[in-house]
């Protein structure tokens, strides 16, 4: 589904061929982001601050390095917490899902992981919208399954309280068997 040039470029980052990370400038951008983090570790340079380091590139093409350079340890911990929270909810949905819910959770996990890897090589934080979409959908699926489990667990407790009992005449109504 991808053009051959895209596949070659993506693989070159992993195997180190001539058109890999260093030749397209990523390694230099990552080094600048890491140096900025070292210079301002607690709160970083501020949002959008990386652009002041490299006027040709507005961001370092790596989500964690962008957050570390611009928001420091605070930003990295926040973004890391959000990503780990998404991963935990996706795994919970996969573990508790049955049938089509488990398939949906598997698809969301695959999409989320694909976009997470992409976020480490391209785009600024706002360009990684699919990462937030798939993570958010995983949270929604996880909470829907949890609500369904709670509803299913309560259902047997409610059955004895509601029984169908005939009343006078042809009309019938709900009543409690032990009511006075």
Protein backbone atom coordinates (compact mmCIF):
# COMPACT_ATOMS: atom_id res chain seq x y z
CA UNK A 1 0.00 0.00 0.00
CA UNK A 2 3.03 2.27 0.38
CA UNK A 3 5.26 3.46 -2.44
CA UNK A 4 8.62 1.71 -2.56
CA UNK A 5 10.47 4.95 -1.82
CA UNK A 6 8.51 5.41 1.42
CA UNK A 7 9.26 1.87 2.56
CA UNK A 8 12.96 2.32 1.74
CA UNK A 9 13.12 5.63 3.58
CA UNK A 10 11.39 4.20 6.64
CA UNK A 11 13.63 1.15 6.75
CA UNK A 12 16.76 3.25 6.22
CA UNK A 13 16.24 4.80 9.64
CA UNK A 14 16.52 1.32 11.14
CA UNK A 15 19.29 -0.20 9.03
CA UNK A 16 21.39 2.96 8.60
CA UNK A 17 21.60 3.32 4.83
CA UNK A 18 22.53 6.59 3.12
CA UNK A 19 19.09 8.21 3.24
CA UNK A 20 18.50 7.43 6.91
CA UNK A 21 18.11 9.52 10.01
CA UNK A 22 21.42 11.39 9.77
CA UNK A 23 21.16 12.43 6.13
CA UNK A 24 17.65 13.85 6.45
CA UNK A 25 18.64 15.95 9.45
CA UNK A 26 16.74 14.06 12.13
CA UNK A 27 19.83 13.21 14.19
CA UNK A 28 20.89 16.87 14.26
CA UNK A 29 17.39 17.97 15.28
CA UNK A 30 17.28 15.31 17.96
CA UNK A 31 20.69 16.43 19.25
CA UNK A 32 19.46 20.05 19.41
CA UNK A 33 16.34 18.99 21.29
CA UNK A 34 18.36 16.93 23.75
CA UNK A 35 20.78 19.83 24.29
CA UNK A 36 17.84 22.20 24.89
CA UNK A 37 16.45 19.74 27.43
CA UNK A 38 19.85 19.63 29.15
CA UNK A 39 19.95 23.43 29.29
CA UNK A 40 16.35 23.79 30.57
CA UNK A 41 15.48 20.46 32.21
CA UNK A 42 12.66 21.44 34.53
CA UNK A 43 10.26 23.53 32.44
CA UNK A 44 11.92 23.55 29.01
CA UNK A 45 11.99 26.40 26.50
CA UNK A 46 8.23 26.91 26.46
CA UNK A 47 5.68 25.81 23.88
CA UNK A 48 7.00 26.42 20.39
CA UNK A 49 10.45 27.20 21.82
CA UNK A 50 12.25 24.65 19.68
CA UNK A 51 11.67 26.86 16.62
CA UNK A 52 14.03 29.43 18.12
CA UNK A 53 16.86 26.86 18.03
CA UNK A 54 16.45 25.84 14.42
CA UNK A 55 14.79 28.44 12.20
CA UNK A 56 14.44 25.95 9.35
CA UNK A 57 12.61 23.35 11.48
CA UNK A 58 9.90 24.21 13.98
CA UNK A 59 10.01 20.88 15.84
CA UNK A 60 12.47 17.97 16.27
CA UNK A 61 10.30 15.29 14.59
CA UNK A 62 10.09 13.25 17.80
CA UNK A 63 7.22 13.57 20.26
CA UNK A 64 9.20 12.92 23.44
CA UNK A 65 12.13 15.09 22.42
CA UNK A 66 9.76 17.90 21.46
CA UNK A 67 8.07 17.72 24.86
CA UNK A 68 11.39 17.50 26.70
CA UNK A 69 12.86 20.51 24.86
CA UNK A 70 9.74 22.67 25.09
CA UNK A 71 8.18 21.58 28.40
CA UNK A 72 11.03 19.89 30.28
CA UNK A 73 10.61 17.01 32.71
CA UNK A 74 7.09 18.18 33.52
CA UNK A 75 6.02 17.86 29.88
CA UNK A 76 7.71 14.49 29.36
CA UNK A 77 6.07 13.09 32.49
CA UNK A 78 2.67 14.40 31.43
CA UNK A 79 2.87 13.11 27.87
CA UNK A 80 4.35 9.82 29.08
CA UNK A 81 1.50 9.46 31.56
CA UNK A 82 -1.09 10.08 28.87
CA UNK A 83 0.51 7.54 26.53
CA UNK A 84 0.83 4.94 29.30
CA UNK A 85 -2.77 5.61 30.33
CA UNK A 86 -3.93 5.03 26.76
CA UNK A 87 -1.90 1.81 26.60
CA UNK A 88 -3.34 0.58 29.91
CA UNK A 89 -6.93 1.23 28.80
CA UNK A 90 -6.32 -0.43 25.42
CA UNK A 91 -4.87 -3.53 27.12
CA UNK A 92 -7.76 -3.61 29.59
CA UNK A 93 -10.23 -3.50 26.71
CA UNK A 94 -8.39 -6.31 24.94
CA UNK A 95 -8.21 -8.47 28.08
CA UNK A 96 -11.88 -8.11 28.97
CA UNK A 97 -13.34 -7.92 25.47
CA UNK A 98 -15.18 -10.85 23.92
CA UNK A 99 -15.91 -11.49 20.26
CA UNK A 100 -16.11 -8.33 18.20
CA UNK A 101 -15.05 -6.18 21.17
CA UNK A 102 -11.74 -8.08 21.38
CA UNK A 103 -11.25 -7.64 17.62
CA UNK A 104 -11.99 -3.90 17.94
CA UNK A 105 -9.52 -3.62 20.82
CA UNK A 106 -6.86 -5.46 18.78
CA UNK A 107 -7.38 -3.10 15.85
CA UNK A 108 -7.18 -0.05 18.12
CA UNK A 109 -3.98 -1.36 19.70
CA UNK A 110 -2.41 -1.86 16.27
CA UNK A 111 -3.44 1.60 15.09
CA UNK A 112 -2.26 3.21 18.34
CA UNK A 113 1.14 1.50 18.19
CA UNK A 114 1.57 2.42 14.54
CA UNK A 115 0.91 6.08 15.31
CA UNK A 116 3.12 5.98 18.42
CA UNK A 117 6.07 4.76 16.34
CA UNK A 118 5.23 7.43 13.74
CA UNK A 119 5.25 10.09 16.49
CA UNK A 120 8.89 9.23 17.23
CA UNK A 121 9.98 10.02 13.67
CA UNK A 122 7.75 12.71 12.22
CA UNK A 123 5.51 15.64 12.95
CA UNK A 124 4.93 17.98 15.83
CA UNK A 125 2.61 17.10 18.71
CA UNK A 126 -0.41 18.58 16.91
CA UNK A 127 0.45 16.61 13.76
CA UNK A 128 0.05 13.32 15.64
CA UNK A 129 -3.71 13.65 15.94
CA UNK A 130 -4.29 9.98 15.07
CA UNK A 131 -2.31 8.95 18.15
CA UNK A 132 -4.74 10.87 20.35
CA UNK A 133 -7.76 9.62 18.39
CA UNK A 134 -6.87 5.93 18.64
CA UNK A 135 -5.85 6.29 22.30
CA UNK A 136 -9.10 8.10 23.08
CA UNK A 137 -11.14 5.47 21.29
CA UNK A 138 -9.36 2.83 23.36
CA UNK A 139 -10.30 4.67 26.55
CA UNK A 140 -13.91 4.86 25.37
CA UNK A 141 -14.03 1.16 24.51
CA UNK A 142 -12.47 0.23 27.84
CA UNK A 143 -15.00 2.26 29.81
CA UNK A 144 -17.92 0.91 27.75
CA UNK A 145 -16.80 -2.65 28.48
CA UNK A 146 -16.37 -1.85 32.18
CA UNK A 147 -19.88 -0.39 32.36
CA UNK A 148 -21.24 -3.44 30.58
CA UNK A 149 -19.48 -5.74 33.09
CA UNK A 150 -20.94 -3.77 36.01
CA UNK A 151 -24.42 -3.94 34.47
CA UNK A 152 -24.07 -7.69 33.88
CA UNK A 153 -22.85 -8.23 37.46
CA UNK A 154 -25.85 -6.32 38.88
CA UNK A 155 -28.46 -8.07 36.72
CA UNK A 156 -28.64 -11.35 38.75
CA UNK A 157 -29.09 -9.37 41.98
CA UNK A 158 -32.10 -7.51 40.56
CA UNK A 159 -33.95 -10.58 39.17
CA UNK A 160 -35.38 -11.85 42.50
CA UNK A 161 -36.67 -8.39 43.36
CA UNK A 162 -38.85 -8.13 40.27
CA UNK A 163 -41.28 -10.95 39.53
CA UNK A 164 -44.45 -10.96 37.51
CA UNK A 165 -47.48 -11.59 39.76
CA UNK A 166 -51.12 -11.49 38.67
CA UNK A 167 -53.38 -8.94 40.34
CA UNK A 168 -57.11 -8.80 40.49
CA UNK A 169 -58.85 -8.93 37.14
CA UNK A 170 -57.09 -9.38 33.81
CA UNK A 171 -54.47 -6.75 34.58
CA UNK A 172 -50.99 -7.77 35.63
CA UNK A 173 -48.29 -5.69 37.29
CA UNK A 174 -44.81 -5.94 38.71
CA UNK A 175 -44.60 -6.61 42.42
CA UNK A 176 -42.03 -7.58 44.98
CA UNK A 177 -42.56 -11.12 46.31
CA UNK A 178 -41.80 -10.18 49.91
CA UNK A 179 -43.50 -6.80 50.03
CA UNK A 180 -46.04 -6.22 52.79
